[in-house]
N, C-alpha and C. Protein backbone atom coordinates (compact mmCIF):
# COMPACT_ATOMS: atom_id res chain seq x y z
N UNK A 1 394.28 -4.48 231.24
CA UNK A 1 393.39 -5.83 231.16
C UNK A 1 393.61 -6.56 230.29
N UNK A 2 393.37 -7.82 230.96
CA UNK A 2 393.60 -9.23 230.57
C UNK A 2 392.76 -9.96 229.49
N UNK A 3 393.25 -10.93 227.99
CA UNK A 3 392.61 -11.36 227.21
C UNK A 3 391.81 -12.61 227.91
N UNK A 4 390.38 -12.79 227.56
CA UNK A 4 389.95 -13.82 227.78
C UNK A 4 389.88 -15.25 226.79
N UNK A 5 391.00 -16.20 227.56
CA UNK A 5 391.55 -17.45 227.16
C UNK A 5 390.46 -18.27 226.35
N UNK A 6 389.16 -18.17 226.82
CA UNK A 6 387.93 -18.65 226.21
C UNK A 6 387.25 -18.09 225.17
N UNK A 7 388.06 -17.16 224.45
CA UNK A 7 387.29 -15.95 223.51
C UNK A 7 387.58 -16.54 222.03
N UNK A 8 386.92 -15.87 221.00
CA UNK A 8 387.03 -15.82 219.50
C UNK A 8 388.02 -16.72 218.95
N UNK A 9 388.96 -16.49 219.09
CA UNK A 9 390.42 -17.30 219.07
C UNK A 9 390.33 -18.68 219.65
N UNK A 10 390.28 -18.85 220.62
CA UNK A 10 390.50 -20.26 220.91
C UNK A 10 389.03 -21.24 220.74
N UNK A 11 387.81 -20.36 220.30
CA UNK A 11 386.67 -21.04 220.18
C UNK A 11 386.87 -21.26 218.25
N UNK A 12 387.61 -20.76 217.73
CA UNK A 12 387.61 -20.74 216.33
C UNK A 12 388.65 -22.16 216.12
N UNK A 13 389.53 -22.15 216.94
CA UNK A 13 390.69 -22.95 216.83
C UNK A 13 390.09 -24.35 216.87
N UNK A 14 389.52 -24.41 217.95
CA UNK A 14 388.44 -25.41 218.36
C UNK A 14 387.57 -26.32 217.68
N UNK A 15 386.92 -25.40 216.80
CA UNK A 15 385.91 -25.75 215.63
C UNK A 15 386.62 -26.42 214.21
N UNK A 16 387.76 -25.83 214.17
CA UNK A 16 388.71 -26.42 213.19
C UNK A 16 389.02 -27.74 213.74
N UNK A 17 389.84 -27.58 214.84
CA UNK A 17 390.27 -29.00 215.50
C UNK A 17 388.83 -29.98 214.97
N UNK A 18 387.85 -29.72 215.39
CA UNK A 18 386.64 -30.53 215.63
C UNK A 18 386.20 -31.04 213.88
N UNK A 19 386.48 -29.92 212.92
CA UNK A 19 386.17 -30.40 211.58
C UNK A 19 387.57 -31.23 210.97
N UNK A 20 388.37 -30.88 211.59
CA UNK A 20 389.62 -31.97 210.50
C UNK A 20 389.27 -33.06 211.28
N UNK A 21 388.99 -33.14 212.59
CA UNK A 21 388.66 -34.75 213.09
C UNK A 21 387.54 -35.64 212.29
N UNK A 22 386.33 -34.71 212.13
CA UNK A 22 385.23 -35.52 211.38
C UNK A 22 385.91 -35.70 209.91
N UNK A 23 386.53 -34.97 209.16
CA UNK A 23 386.82 -34.99 208.14
C UNK A 23 387.88 -36.30 207.92
N UNK A 24 388.56 -36.84 208.92
CA UNK A 24 389.50 -37.52 209.24
C UNK A 24 388.96 -38.95 209.26
N UNK A 25 387.66 -38.63 210.43
CA UNK A 25 386.96 -40.12 209.98
C UNK A 25 386.17 -40.57 209.21
N UNK A 26 385.70 -39.70 208.48
CA UNK A 26 384.64 -39.72 207.56
C UNK A 26 385.95 -40.75 206.08
N UNK A 27 386.75 -39.87 205.88
CA UNK A 27 387.60 -40.64 204.95
C UNK A 27 388.05 -41.71 205.31
N UNK A 28 388.58 -42.12 206.59
CA UNK A 28 389.15 -43.55 206.92
C UNK A 28 387.73 -44.42 206.68
N UNK A 29 386.41 -44.02 207.41
CA UNK A 29 384.96 -44.75 206.86
C UNK A 29 385.05 -45.18 205.11
N UNK A 30 385.22 -44.09 204.36
CA UNK A 30 384.96 -44.46 202.78
C UNK A 30 386.09 -45.47 202.51
N UNK A 31 387.27 -45.25 203.29
CA UNK A 31 387.97 -46.48 203.03
C UNK A 31 387.78 -47.81 202.97
N UNK A 32 387.51 -47.88 204.40
CA UNK A 32 387.13 -49.42 205.30
C UNK A 32 386.16 -49.71 204.18
N UNK A 33 384.87 -48.95 203.83
CA UNK A 33 383.93 -49.82 202.85
C UNK A 33 384.47 -49.95 201.67
N UNK A 34 385.64 -49.30 200.96
CA UNK A 34 386.09 -49.77 199.34
C UNK A 34 386.79 -50.77 200.13
N UNK A 35 387.73 -51.61 200.92
CA UNK A 35 388.25 -51.97 200.91
C UNK A 35 387.75 -53.48 201.20
N UNK A 36 386.51 -53.26 201.96
CA UNK A 36 385.29 -54.51 202.13
C UNK A 36 384.84 -54.66 200.68
N UNK A 37 384.29 -53.96 199.82
CA UNK A 37 383.55 -54.27 198.84
C UNK A 37 384.84 -54.96 197.46
N UNK A 38 386.13 -54.09 197.80
CA UNK A 38 387.11 -54.95 196.44
C UNK A 38 387.81 -56.18 197.30
N UNK A 39 387.56 -56.42 198.21
CA UNK A 39 388.67 -57.55 198.57
C UNK A 39 387.58 -58.89 199.10
N UNK A 40 387.47 -60.07 198.48
CA UNK A 40 386.39 -60.98 199.04
C UNK A 40 386.96 -61.37 200.45
N UNK A 41 386.09 -61.89 201.31
CA UNK A 41 386.41 -62.17 202.43
C UNK A 41 386.79 -64.03 202.45
N UNK A 42 387.21 -64.32 203.15
CA UNK A 42 387.83 -65.99 203.43
C UNK A 42 386.83 -67.09 202.77
N UNK A 43 385.63 -66.80 202.95
CA UNK A 43 384.62 -67.60 202.02
C UNK A 43 384.24 -67.23 200.78
N UNK A 44 384.55 -66.14 200.16
CA UNK A 44 384.21 -65.95 199.06
C UNK A 44 384.35 -66.51 197.78
N UNK A 45 383.41 -66.79 197.05
CA UNK A 45 383.58 -67.76 195.75
C UNK A 45 383.77 -66.96 194.36
N UNK A 46 385.04 -66.65 193.96
CA UNK A 46 385.03 -65.94 192.83
C UNK A 46 384.41 -66.58 191.03
N UNK A 47 383.83 -66.02 190.73
CA UNK A 47 382.96 -66.05 189.56
C UNK A 47 383.87 -65.55 188.23
N UNK A 48 383.45 -66.06 187.24
CA UNK A 48 383.35 -65.56 186.33
C UNK A 48 382.41 -65.89 184.85
N UNK A 49 382.56 -64.80 184.34
CA UNK A 49 381.43 -64.63 183.50
C UNK A 49 382.03 -64.30 182.04
N UNK A 50 381.38 -65.25 181.14
CA UNK A 50 382.16 -65.06 179.25
C UNK A 50 380.77 -65.35 178.89
N UNK A 51 380.71 -64.73 177.29
CA UNK A 51 379.65 -64.48 176.40
C UNK A 51 380.05 -65.05 175.23
N UNK A 52 378.91 -64.69 174.40
CA UNK A 52 379.23 -65.51 172.85
C UNK A 52 378.51 -64.37 171.84
N UNK A 53 379.04 -64.35 171.27
CA UNK A 53 379.26 -63.54 169.69
C UNK A 53 377.53 -63.47 169.58
N UNK A 54 376.50 -62.73 169.13
CA UNK A 54 375.23 -62.84 169.04
C UNK A 54 375.53 -62.66 167.17
N UNK A 55 376.08 -63.46 167.05
CA UNK A 55 376.04 -63.51 165.22
C UNK A 55 375.98 -64.90 164.40
N UNK A 56 374.72 -64.69 163.64
CA UNK A 56 374.33 -65.91 163.24
C UNK A 56 373.03 -66.57 163.84
N UNK A 57 372.64 -67.49 163.06
CA UNK A 57 371.43 -68.25 163.81
C UNK A 57 370.88 -68.85 162.19
N UNK A 58 369.64 -69.45 162.86
CA UNK A 58 369.15 -70.15 161.28
C UNK A 58 368.58 -69.31 160.40
N UNK A 59 368.65 -69.76 159.45
CA UNK A 59 368.12 -69.45 158.11
C UNK A 59 367.49 -70.05 157.37
N UNK A 60 366.49 -69.66 156.18
CA UNK A 60 366.07 -70.13 155.32
C UNK A 60 366.10 -69.35 153.82
N UNK A 61 366.57 -70.25 152.87
CA UNK A 61 367.22 -69.29 151.80
C UNK A 61 366.89 -70.28 150.02
N UNK A 62 367.24 -69.97 149.75
CA UNK A 62 367.10 -70.57 148.17
C UNK A 62 368.73 -71.06 147.61
N UNK A 63 368.89 -72.30 147.12
CA UNK A 63 370.29 -72.73 146.36
C UNK A 63 369.58 -72.37 145.33
N UNK A 64 371.07 -72.63 144.45
CA UNK A 64 370.99 -72.06 142.68
C UNK A 64 370.07 -72.89 142.02
N UNK A 65 369.66 -74.10 142.51
CA UNK A 65 368.29 -74.84 142.10
C UNK A 65 366.52 -74.13 142.24
N UNK A 66 366.76 -73.49 143.17
CA UNK A 66 365.46 -72.97 143.87
C UNK A 66 364.91 -73.81 144.67
N UNK A 67 365.87 -74.67 144.82
CA UNK A 67 365.15 -75.44 146.59
C UNK A 67 365.97 -74.80 147.90
N UNK A 68 364.78 -75.26 148.64
CA UNK A 68 364.72 -74.24 149.74
C UNK A 68 365.55 -74.91 150.84
N UNK A 69 366.55 -74.34 151.43
CA UNK A 69 367.64 -75.17 152.34
C UNK A 69 367.61 -74.22 153.36
N UNK A 70 367.97 -74.84 154.85
CA UNK A 70 367.97 -73.81 155.87
C UNK A 70 369.57 -74.25 156.85
N UNK A 71 369.63 -73.93 157.40
CA UNK A 71 371.12 -73.67 158.02
C UNK A 71 371.46 -75.48 159.02
N UNK A 72 370.09 -76.07 158.99
CA UNK A 72 370.56 -77.47 159.27
C UNK A 72 370.98 -78.42 157.90
N UNK A 73 370.83 -77.76 156.85
CA UNK A 73 371.16 -78.51 155.63
C UNK A 73 372.88 -78.49 155.80
N UNK A 74 373.22 -78.07 156.41
CA UNK A 74 374.96 -76.84 156.40
C UNK A 74 375.70 -77.87 158.36
N UNK A 75 374.78 -78.18 159.13
CA UNK A 75 375.12 -78.61 160.05
C UNK A 75 376.37 -79.61 160.40
N UNK A 76 377.01 -79.46 161.52
CA UNK A 76 377.95 -80.71 160.95
C UNK A 76 379.63 -79.71 160.49
N UNK A 77 379.33 -79.24 159.68
CA UNK A 77 380.69 -78.58 158.66
C UNK A 77 380.79 -77.03 158.90
N UNK A 78 381.77 -76.74 159.70
CA UNK A 78 382.25 -75.04 159.37
C UNK A 78 381.69 -74.40 158.18
N UNK A 79 381.31 -73.01 158.55
CA UNK A 79 380.87 -72.31 157.24
C UNK A 79 381.75 -71.16 157.53
N UNK A 80 381.88 -70.92 156.04
CA UNK A 80 382.48 -69.43 155.68
C UNK A 80 381.50 -68.58 155.22
N UNK A 81 380.72 -68.20 155.97
CA UNK A 81 379.45 -67.25 155.26
C UNK A 81 380.38 -65.30 154.92
N UNK A 82 379.65 -65.29 153.43
CA UNK A 82 380.21 -63.61 153.39
C UNK A 82 378.99 -63.19 152.47
N UNK A 83 378.77 -62.34 152.57
CA UNK A 83 377.44 -61.34 152.24
C UNK A 83 378.00 -60.48 150.93
N UNK A 84 377.11 -60.55 149.73
CA UNK A 84 377.63 -59.12 148.55
C UNK A 84 376.36 -59.31 147.37
N UNK A 85 376.80 -58.78 146.43
CA UNK A 85 375.94 -58.86 145.11
C UNK A 85 376.18 -58.85 144.14
N UNK A 86 376.03 -59.40 142.78
CA UNK A 86 376.47 -59.86 141.61
C UNK A 86 376.88 -58.23 141.13
N UNK A 87 376.32 -57.42 141.26
CA UNK A 87 376.38 -56.38 140.36
C UNK A 87 377.76 -55.45 141.39
N UNK A 88 377.92 -55.84 142.62
CA UNK A 88 379.29 -55.04 143.28
C UNK A 88 380.27 -55.27 142.38
N UNK A 89 380.62 -53.74 142.17
CA UNK A 89 381.79 -53.71 141.19
C UNK A 89 383.14 -54.39 142.03
N UNK A 90 383.64 -53.72 143.19
CA UNK A 90 384.91 -54.48 143.34
C UNK A 90 385.21 -54.92 144.71
N UNK A 91 384.17 -54.50 145.64
CA UNK A 91 384.61 -55.32 146.92
C UNK A 91 384.17 -56.88 147.21
N UNK A 92 383.31 -57.02 146.73
CA UNK A 92 382.36 -58.54 146.50
C UNK A 92 383.67 -59.31 145.81
N UNK A 93 383.86 -59.10 144.32
CA UNK A 93 385.17 -59.64 143.55
C UNK A 93 386.12 -59.94 144.69
N UNK A 94 386.80 -58.92 144.88
CA UNK A 94 387.89 -59.30 145.48
C UNK A 94 387.59 -60.00 146.75
N UNK A 95 386.52 -60.45 147.30
CA UNK A 95 386.18 -61.26 148.71
C UNK A 95 386.33 -62.37 148.06
N UNK A 96 385.59 -62.55 147.06
CA UNK A 96 385.53 -64.02 146.26
C UNK A 96 386.51 -64.72 145.67
N UNK A 97 387.29 -64.00 145.33
CA UNK A 97 389.00 -64.39 144.77
C UNK A 97 389.63 -64.67 146.25
N UNK A 98 389.67 -64.17 146.96
CA UNK A 98 390.48 -64.47 148.33
C UNK A 98 390.14 -65.80 149.13
N UNK A 99 388.18 -65.47 149.11
CA UNK A 99 387.98 -66.91 149.59
C UNK A 99 388.56 -68.36 148.75
N UNK A 100 388.69 -67.85 147.20
CA UNK A 100 388.87 -69.15 146.15
C UNK A 100 390.15 -69.61 146.15
N UNK A 101 391.13 -68.56 146.56
CA UNK A 101 392.58 -68.92 146.88
C UNK A 101 392.51 -69.69 147.95
N UNK A 102 391.96 -69.24 149.45
CA UNK A 102 392.17 -69.72 150.11
C UNK A 102 391.75 -71.46 150.18
N UNK A 103 390.61 -71.58 149.65
CA UNK A 103 390.17 -72.64 149.33
C UNK A 103 391.32 -73.70 148.56
N UNK A 104 392.04 -73.10 147.44
CA UNK A 104 392.71 -73.73 146.83
C UNK A 104 393.97 -73.96 147.37
N UNK A 105 394.48 -73.47 148.43
CA UNK A 105 395.82 -73.46 149.30
C UNK A 105 395.44 -74.70 150.55
N UNK A 106 394.06 -74.76 150.42
CA UNK A 106 393.80 -75.83 151.88
C UNK A 106 393.56 -77.51 151.24
N UNK A 107 393.98 -77.47 149.81
CA UNK A 107 393.71 -78.79 149.17
C UNK A 107 392.53 -79.89 149.53
N UNK A 108 392.56 -80.86 149.49
CA UNK A 108 391.71 -81.83 150.37
C UNK A 108 391.04 -81.24 151.55
N UNK A 109 391.44 -80.53 152.39
CA UNK A 109 391.09 -79.89 153.42
C UNK A 109 389.99 -79.18 153.47
N UNK A 110 389.60 -78.28 151.94
CA UNK A 110 388.59 -77.28 151.65
C UNK A 110 387.30 -78.23 151.63
N UNK A 111 387.12 -79.60 151.89
CA UNK A 111 386.26 -80.44 151.14
C UNK A 111 385.43 -80.40 152.96
N UNK A 112 386.26 -79.94 154.20
CA UNK A 112 385.89 -79.65 155.21
C UNK A 112 384.97 -78.49 155.43
N UNK A 113 385.21 -77.38 154.42
CA UNK A 113 384.11 -76.32 154.86
C UNK A 113 383.67 -76.35 153.77
N UNK A 114 382.48 -75.44 153.92
CA UNK A 114 381.37 -75.16 153.25
C UNK A 114 381.28 -73.28 152.93
N UNK A 115 382.00 -72.94 151.89
CA UNK A 115 381.67 -71.67 151.80
C UNK A 115 380.32 -70.99 151.14
N UNK A 116 380.20 -70.27 151.86
CA UNK A 116 378.60 -69.24 151.69
C UNK A 116 378.69 -67.82 150.85
N UNK A 117 377.73 -68.02 150.05
CA UNK A 117 378.04 -66.27 149.27
C UNK A 117 376.35 -65.84 149.41
N UNK A 118 375.79 -65.34 150.16
CA UNK A 118 374.72 -64.62 150.47
C UNK A 118 374.40 -63.49 149.90
N UNK A 119 373.41 -63.12 148.83
CA UNK A 119 373.10 -62.12 148.02
C UNK A 119 372.57 -60.70 149.07
N UNK A 120 372.91 -59.76 149.01
CA UNK A 120 371.76 -58.72 149.86
C UNK A 120 371.19 -57.79 148.55
N UNK A 121 371.13 -58.63 147.51
CA UNK A 121 370.32 -57.69 146.53
C UNK A 121 369.50 -58.79 145.71
N UNK A 122 368.33 -59.35 146.28
CA UNK A 122 367.35 -60.40 146.49
C UNK A 122 366.72 -60.18 144.94
N UNK A 123 366.54 -58.62 144.40
CA UNK A 123 365.78 -58.38 143.61
C UNK A 123 366.25 -58.67 142.42
N UNK A 124 367.71 -58.82 142.27
CA UNK A 124 368.53 -58.91 140.94
C UNK A 124 368.92 -60.17 140.60
N UNK A 125 369.48 -60.48 141.78
CA UNK A 125 370.07 -61.61 142.26
C UNK A 125 369.32 -63.24 142.18
N UNK A 126 368.72 -63.55 141.74
CA UNK A 126 367.97 -64.78 141.57
C UNK A 126 368.84 -66.29 141.63
N UNK A 127 367.87 -67.11 142.05
CA UNK A 127 368.81 -68.31 142.60
C UNK A 127 369.96 -69.07 141.48
N UNK A 128 369.29 -68.42 140.43
CA UNK A 128 370.06 -69.33 138.86
C UNK A 128 371.18 -68.28 138.73
N UNK A 129 371.27 -66.98 138.60
CA UNK A 129 372.14 -66.10 138.30
C UNK A 129 372.99 -65.65 139.50
N UNK A 130 372.77 -65.83 141.00
CA UNK A 130 373.70 -66.01 141.71
C UNK A 130 374.68 -67.24 142.04
N UNK A 131 373.71 -68.55 141.19
CA UNK A 131 374.72 -69.41 141.47
C UNK A 131 375.82 -69.97 140.45
N UNK A 132 375.35 -69.24 139.02
CA UNK A 132 376.61 -68.82 137.78
C UNK A 132 377.39 -68.17 138.31
N UNK A 133 377.30 -67.12 139.25
CA UNK A 133 378.02 -65.94 139.59
C UNK A 133 379.14 -66.29 140.36
N UNK A 134 379.01 -67.48 141.44
CA UNK A 134 380.00 -67.73 142.34
C UNK A 134 380.67 -68.91 141.94
N UNK A 135 380.10 -69.61 140.95
CA UNK A 135 380.83 -70.92 140.48
C UNK A 135 381.99 -69.71 139.37
N UNK A 136 381.92 -68.86 138.88
CA UNK A 136 383.23 -68.52 138.30
C UNK A 136 384.52 -68.34 139.03
N UNK A 137 383.98 -68.24 140.60
CA UNK A 137 385.02 -68.05 141.61
C UNK A 137 385.88 -69.34 142.24
N UNK A 138 384.70 -70.16 142.39
CA UNK A 138 385.09 -71.71 142.40
C UNK A 138 383.93 -72.52 142.58
N UNK A 139 384.36 -73.41 142.36
CA UNK A 139 382.95 -74.45 142.20
C UNK A 139 382.67 -74.73 143.79
N UNK A 140 383.55 -74.74 144.68
CA UNK A 140 382.91 -75.07 146.08
C UNK A 140 382.20 -74.16 147.02
N UNK A 141 381.92 -72.80 146.07
CA UNK A 141 381.02 -71.64 146.82
C UNK A 141 379.84 -72.01 146.41
N UNK A 142 378.96 -71.84 147.53
CA UNK A 142 377.68 -72.10 147.71
C UNK A 142 376.73 -70.68 147.55
N UNK A 143 375.90 -69.85 146.46
CA UNK A 143 375.15 -69.25 146.32
C UNK A 143 374.26 -69.60 146.92
N UNK A 144 373.70 -68.74 147.64
CA UNK A 144 372.33 -68.67 148.24
C UNK A 144 371.39 -67.00 148.24
N UNK A 145 369.96 -67.37 147.72
CA UNK A 145 369.27 -66.31 147.82
C UNK A 145 367.79 -66.27 148.20
N UNK A 146 367.02 -65.69 147.91
CA UNK A 146 365.80 -65.78 148.41
C UNK A 146 364.59 -64.71 148.45
N UNK A 147 363.51 -64.44 148.98
CA UNK A 147 362.77 -63.44 149.29
C UNK A 147 363.37 -62.08 149.58
N UNK A 148 362.84 -61.04 149.71
CA UNK A 148 363.86 -59.84 150.34
C UNK A 148 363.22 -60.10 151.85
N UNK A 149 362.43 -61.19 152.20
CA UNK A 149 362.24 -61.27 153.54
C UNK A 149 362.93 -62.47 153.95
N UNK A 150 363.19 -63.00 153.34
CA UNK A 150 363.98 -64.55 153.59
C UNK A 150 365.88 -63.73 154.17
N UNK A 151 366.44 -62.36 152.61
CA UNK A 151 367.44 -61.74 152.97
C UNK A 151 367.53 -60.71 154.40
N UNK A 152 366.32 -60.29 154.69
CA UNK A 152 366.01 -59.58 155.65
C UNK A 152 366.53 -60.18 156.97
N UNK A 153 365.79 -61.32 157.11
CA UNK A 153 365.87 -62.04 157.84
C UNK A 153 367.54 -62.40 158.71
N UNK A 154 368.22 -63.18 157.26
CA UNK A 154 369.47 -63.73 157.51
C UNK A 154 370.49 -62.65 157.68
N UNK A 155 370.34 -61.24 157.04
CA UNK A 155 371.26 -60.27 157.23
C UNK A 155 370.79 -59.62 158.89
N UNK A 156 369.83 -59.65 159.06
CA UNK A 156 369.78 -59.29 160.50
C UNK A 156 370.45 -60.56 161.38
N UNK A 157 370.44 -61.35 161.47
CA UNK A 157 371.12 -62.88 161.84
C UNK A 157 372.56 -62.50 162.47
N UNK A 158 372.89 -62.26 161.07
CA UNK A 158 374.75 -62.46 161.23
C UNK A 158 374.96 -60.12 161.30
N UNK A 159 374.05 -59.77 161.67
CA UNK A 159 374.68 -58.22 162.11
C UNK A 159 375.08 -57.56 160.58
N UNK A 160 374.16 -58.15 159.45
CA UNK A 160 375.02 -57.58 158.62
C UNK A 160 374.36 -56.05 157.89
N UNK A 161 375.19 -55.25 157.58
CA UNK A 161 374.57 -53.68 157.29
C UNK A 161 373.84 -53.51 155.79
N UNK A 162 372.98 -53.46 155.22
CA UNK A 162 372.35 -53.50 154.25
C UNK A 162 371.93 -52.63 153.36
N UNK A 163 371.76 -51.43 152.50
CA UNK A 163 371.20 -50.45 151.75
C UNK A 163 371.06 -50.23 150.91
N UNK A 164 370.18 -50.13 149.90
CA UNK A 164 369.87 -49.83 148.65
C UNK A 164 370.02 -48.28 148.46
N UNK A 165 370.87 -48.16 147.45
CA UNK A 165 371.43 -46.27 147.21
C UNK A 165 371.11 -46.00 145.78
N UNK A 166 370.91 -45.29 145.41
CA UNK A 166 370.64 -44.90 144.08
C UNK A 166 371.98 -44.56 143.39
N UNK A 167 372.14 -45.07 142.00
CA UNK A 167 373.44 -44.90 141.38
C UNK A 167 373.39 -43.96 141.03
N UNK A 168 374.05 -42.91 141.34
CA UNK A 168 374.75 -41.69 140.69
C UNK A 168 374.93 -41.41 138.81
N UNK A 169 375.56 -42.93 138.70
CA UNK A 169 376.40 -42.37 137.32
C UNK A 169 375.36 -43.49 136.42
N UNK A 170 374.24 -43.55 137.08
CA UNK A 170 373.31 -44.51 136.09
C UNK A 170 371.76 -44.57 136.71
N UNK A 171 371.54 -42.83 135.91
CA UNK A 171 370.13 -42.93 136.75
C UNK A 171 368.82 -44.13 136.59
N UNK A 172 368.33 -44.33 137.75
CA UNK A 172 367.66 -45.50 137.76
C UNK A 172 367.86 -46.52 138.16
N UNK A 173 369.16 -47.00 138.28
CA UNK A 173 370.03 -48.04 138.50
C UNK A 173 370.38 -47.90 140.11
N UNK A 174 370.89 -48.93 141.15
CA UNK A 174 370.93 -48.58 142.06
C UNK A 174 372.31 -49.79 142.48
N UNK A 175 372.87 -49.30 143.88
CA UNK A 175 374.23 -50.14 144.38
C UNK A 175 373.19 -50.34 145.63
N UNK A 176 374.22 -51.06 146.34
CA UNK A 176 374.14 -51.88 147.64
C UNK A 176 375.26 -51.50 148.48
N UNK A 177 375.08 -50.29 149.43
CA UNK A 177 375.97 -50.75 150.75
C UNK A 177 375.83 -51.61 151.61
N UNK A 178 376.83 -51.96 151.68
CA UNK A 178 376.44 -53.13 152.60
C UNK A 178 378.09 -53.27 153.54
N UNK A 179 378.09 -54.03 154.57
CA UNK A 179 379.15 -54.41 155.34
C UNK A 179 379.82 -55.66 154.82
N UNK A 180 381.65 -55.80 155.05
CA UNK A 180 382.02 -56.54 153.84
C UNK A 180 382.98 -57.75 155.23
N UNK A 181 382.13 -58.52 155.76
CA UNK A 181 382.96 -59.09 156.59
C UNK A 181 382.83 -60.63 156.36
N UNK A 182 383.57 -62.05 156.14
CA UNK A 182 383.58 -63.29 155.83
C UNK A 182 383.25 -63.56 157.60
N UNK A 183 382.21 -64.24 157.57
CA UNK A 183 382.30 -64.89 158.95
C UNK A 183 382.27 -66.65 159.47
N UNK A 184 383.37 -66.84 160.04
CA UNK A 184 383.45 -68.24 159.82
C UNK A 184 382.68 -68.84 161.07
N UNK A 185 382.02 -69.76 161.06
CA UNK A 185 380.88 -70.98 162.18
C UNK A 185 381.73 -71.83 162.32
N UNK A 186 380.93 -72.71 163.24
CA UNK A 186 381.88 -74.05 163.69
C UNK A 186 380.87 -74.80 162.86
N UNK A 187 380.66 -76.05 163.52
CA UNK A 187 380.00 -76.80 162.66
C UNK A 187 378.95 -77.16 163.46
N UNK A 188 378.48 -76.16 164.53
CA UNK A 188 377.37 -76.10 165.07
C UNK A 188 376.50 -74.87 165.07
N UNK A 189 377.43 -74.37 163.81
CA UNK A 189 376.75 -73.17 163.60
C UNK A 189 376.85 -71.55 164.52
N UNK A 190 378.15 -72.12 165.03
CA UNK A 190 378.04 -70.82 166.26
C UNK A 190 379.36 -69.94 165.77
N UNK A 191 379.30 -69.01 166.00
CA UNK A 191 380.00 -67.57 165.39
C UNK A 191 381.81 -68.00 165.84
N UNK A 192 382.95 -68.00 165.32
CA UNK A 192 384.07 -68.15 166.01
C UNK A 192 385.08 -67.19 165.71
N UNK A 193 384.69 -66.28 164.74
CA UNK A 193 385.62 -65.04 163.85
C UNK A 193 385.06 -64.57 163.03
N UNK A 194 385.47 -63.37 162.87
CA UNK A 194 385.25 -62.86 161.37
C UNK A 194 386.29 -62.38 160.68
N UNK A 195 386.65 -61.93 159.19
CA UNK A 195 387.39 -61.40 158.35
C UNK A 195 387.28 -60.36 157.65
N UNK A 196 388.17 -59.31 157.44
CA UNK A 196 387.70 -58.55 156.22
C UNK A 196 387.86 -59.39 154.99
N UNK A 197 387.17 -58.31 154.26
CA UNK A 197 387.03 -59.40 152.79
C UNK A 197 388.64 -58.85 152.18
N UNK A 198 389.65 -58.13 152.51
CA UNK A 198 391.01 -57.74 152.19
C UNK A 198 391.97 -59.00 152.88
N UNK A 199 391.17 -59.82 153.54
CA UNK A 199 391.93 -60.67 154.35
C UNK A 199 393.18 -61.23 153.16
N UNK A 200 394.44 -61.84 153.90
CA UNK A 200 395.54 -62.60 153.43
C UNK A 200 395.09 -63.75 152.84
N UNK A 201 394.99 -64.59 151.72
CA UNK A 201 394.59 -65.71 151.43
C UNK A 201 394.85 -66.85 152.35
N UNK A 202 396.40 -66.93 152.83
CA UNK A 202 397.51 -67.56 153.11
C UNK A 202 396.77 -67.84 154.55
N UNK A 203 396.08 -66.54 155.40
CA UNK A 203 396.11 -66.34 156.26
C UNK A 203 394.76 -67.12 156.62
N UNK A 204 393.94 -66.54 155.79
CA UNK A 204 392.74 -67.44 155.81
C UNK A 204 392.64 -69.25 155.94
N UNK A 205 393.27 -69.18 154.66
CA UNK A 205 393.57 -70.62 154.57
C UNK A 205 393.87 -71.48 155.78
N UNK A 206 394.81 -70.66 156.38
CA UNK A 206 395.39 -71.30 157.71
C UNK A 206 394.23 -71.26 158.98
N UNK A 207 393.68 -70.35 159.00
CA UNK A 207 392.13 -70.37 160.20
C UNK A 207 391.46 -71.58 159.73
N UNK A 208 390.81 -71.19 158.46
CA UNK A 208 389.85 -72.40 157.98
C UNK A 208 390.33 -73.88 158.32
N UNK A 209 391.32 -74.03 157.90
CA UNK A 209 392.42 -75.74 158.84
C UNK A 209 392.24 -75.67 159.74
N UNK A 210 392.22 -75.10 160.51
CA UNK A 210 392.17 -75.47 162.00
C UNK A 210 390.81 -75.84 162.77
N UNK A 211 389.48 -74.91 161.88
CA UNK A 211 388.72 -75.22 162.44
C UNK A 211 388.54 -76.59 161.73
N UNK A 212 388.46 -76.69 160.59
CA UNK A 212 388.21 -78.07 159.85
C UNK A 212 388.41 -79.33 160.46
N UNK A 213 389.64 -79.20 161.27
CA UNK A 213 390.22 -79.96 161.53
C UNK A 213 389.58 -80.12 163.17
N UNK A 214 388.81 -79.53 163.96
CA UNK A 214 388.21 -79.90 164.71
C UNK A 214 387.33 -80.56 165.07
N UNK A 215 386.77 -81.42 165.96
CA UNK A 215 385.56 -81.87 165.82
C UNK A 215 384.29 -81.33 165.69
N UNK A 216 383.17 -81.66 165.09
CA UNK A 216 382.24 -81.28 165.03
C UNK A 216 381.54 -80.50 165.79
N UNK A 217 381.71 -81.35 167.21
CA UNK A 217 380.66 -80.77 168.74
C UNK A 217 381.80 -79.63 169.05
N UNK A 218 382.80 -79.39 168.72
CA UNK A 218 383.72 -78.35 169.35
C UNK A 218 382.91 -77.39 169.60
N UNK A 219 383.43 -76.36 170.21
CA UNK A 219 382.43 -75.24 170.76
C UNK A 219 383.42 -73.89 170.23
N UNK A 220 382.96 -72.68 169.90
CA UNK A 220 383.35 -71.44 169.57
C UNK A 220 384.86 -71.25 170.31
N UNK A 221 385.60 -70.77 169.76
CA UNK A 221 387.44 -70.29 170.26
C UNK A 221 386.95 -68.88 170.23
């Protein structure tokens, strides 16, 4: 008896060949689609997008004399904005000492920068208290306080974390946990870069000099 050439074995091989051909065709189609998307055509225009950090913005606060000031009062000069509070045990004083040292290294160029210390503890840091506190570090540092709503608005604008926490060592007292960065803003109030409170004073001075030398209308880098 002879075997049928068109039996089960031949049919199975044909189906395998057809399936392989379909898979190869599908893979080729997918590859073609990817290349069409990834490689622009002759008339395609390359576009680039760039964004600015959403840090900073308008604020309305009180200076040491109790006078209300806004961001517009500091327009045209770069600002170095630092947040903290007078009862801060170590981080805030360390940051203010760095700022003071950087300003001293800048010499006359320091007049082209407005260093600002904004409290995150408006209940205890009245304008007068804050004003005396910052002047103990450097005469050019401006202390700004305000109502709890004022402070909530400016900390939100600068993306600053601040939260009142009980002082475990002194019942009835509290501390304020907060982020501790210095924000460098250009003459238009736009964010340039930030520094940790532990930044080297010489490095900070060089960065401030660079921004102080830029025209007031220069954009953020």
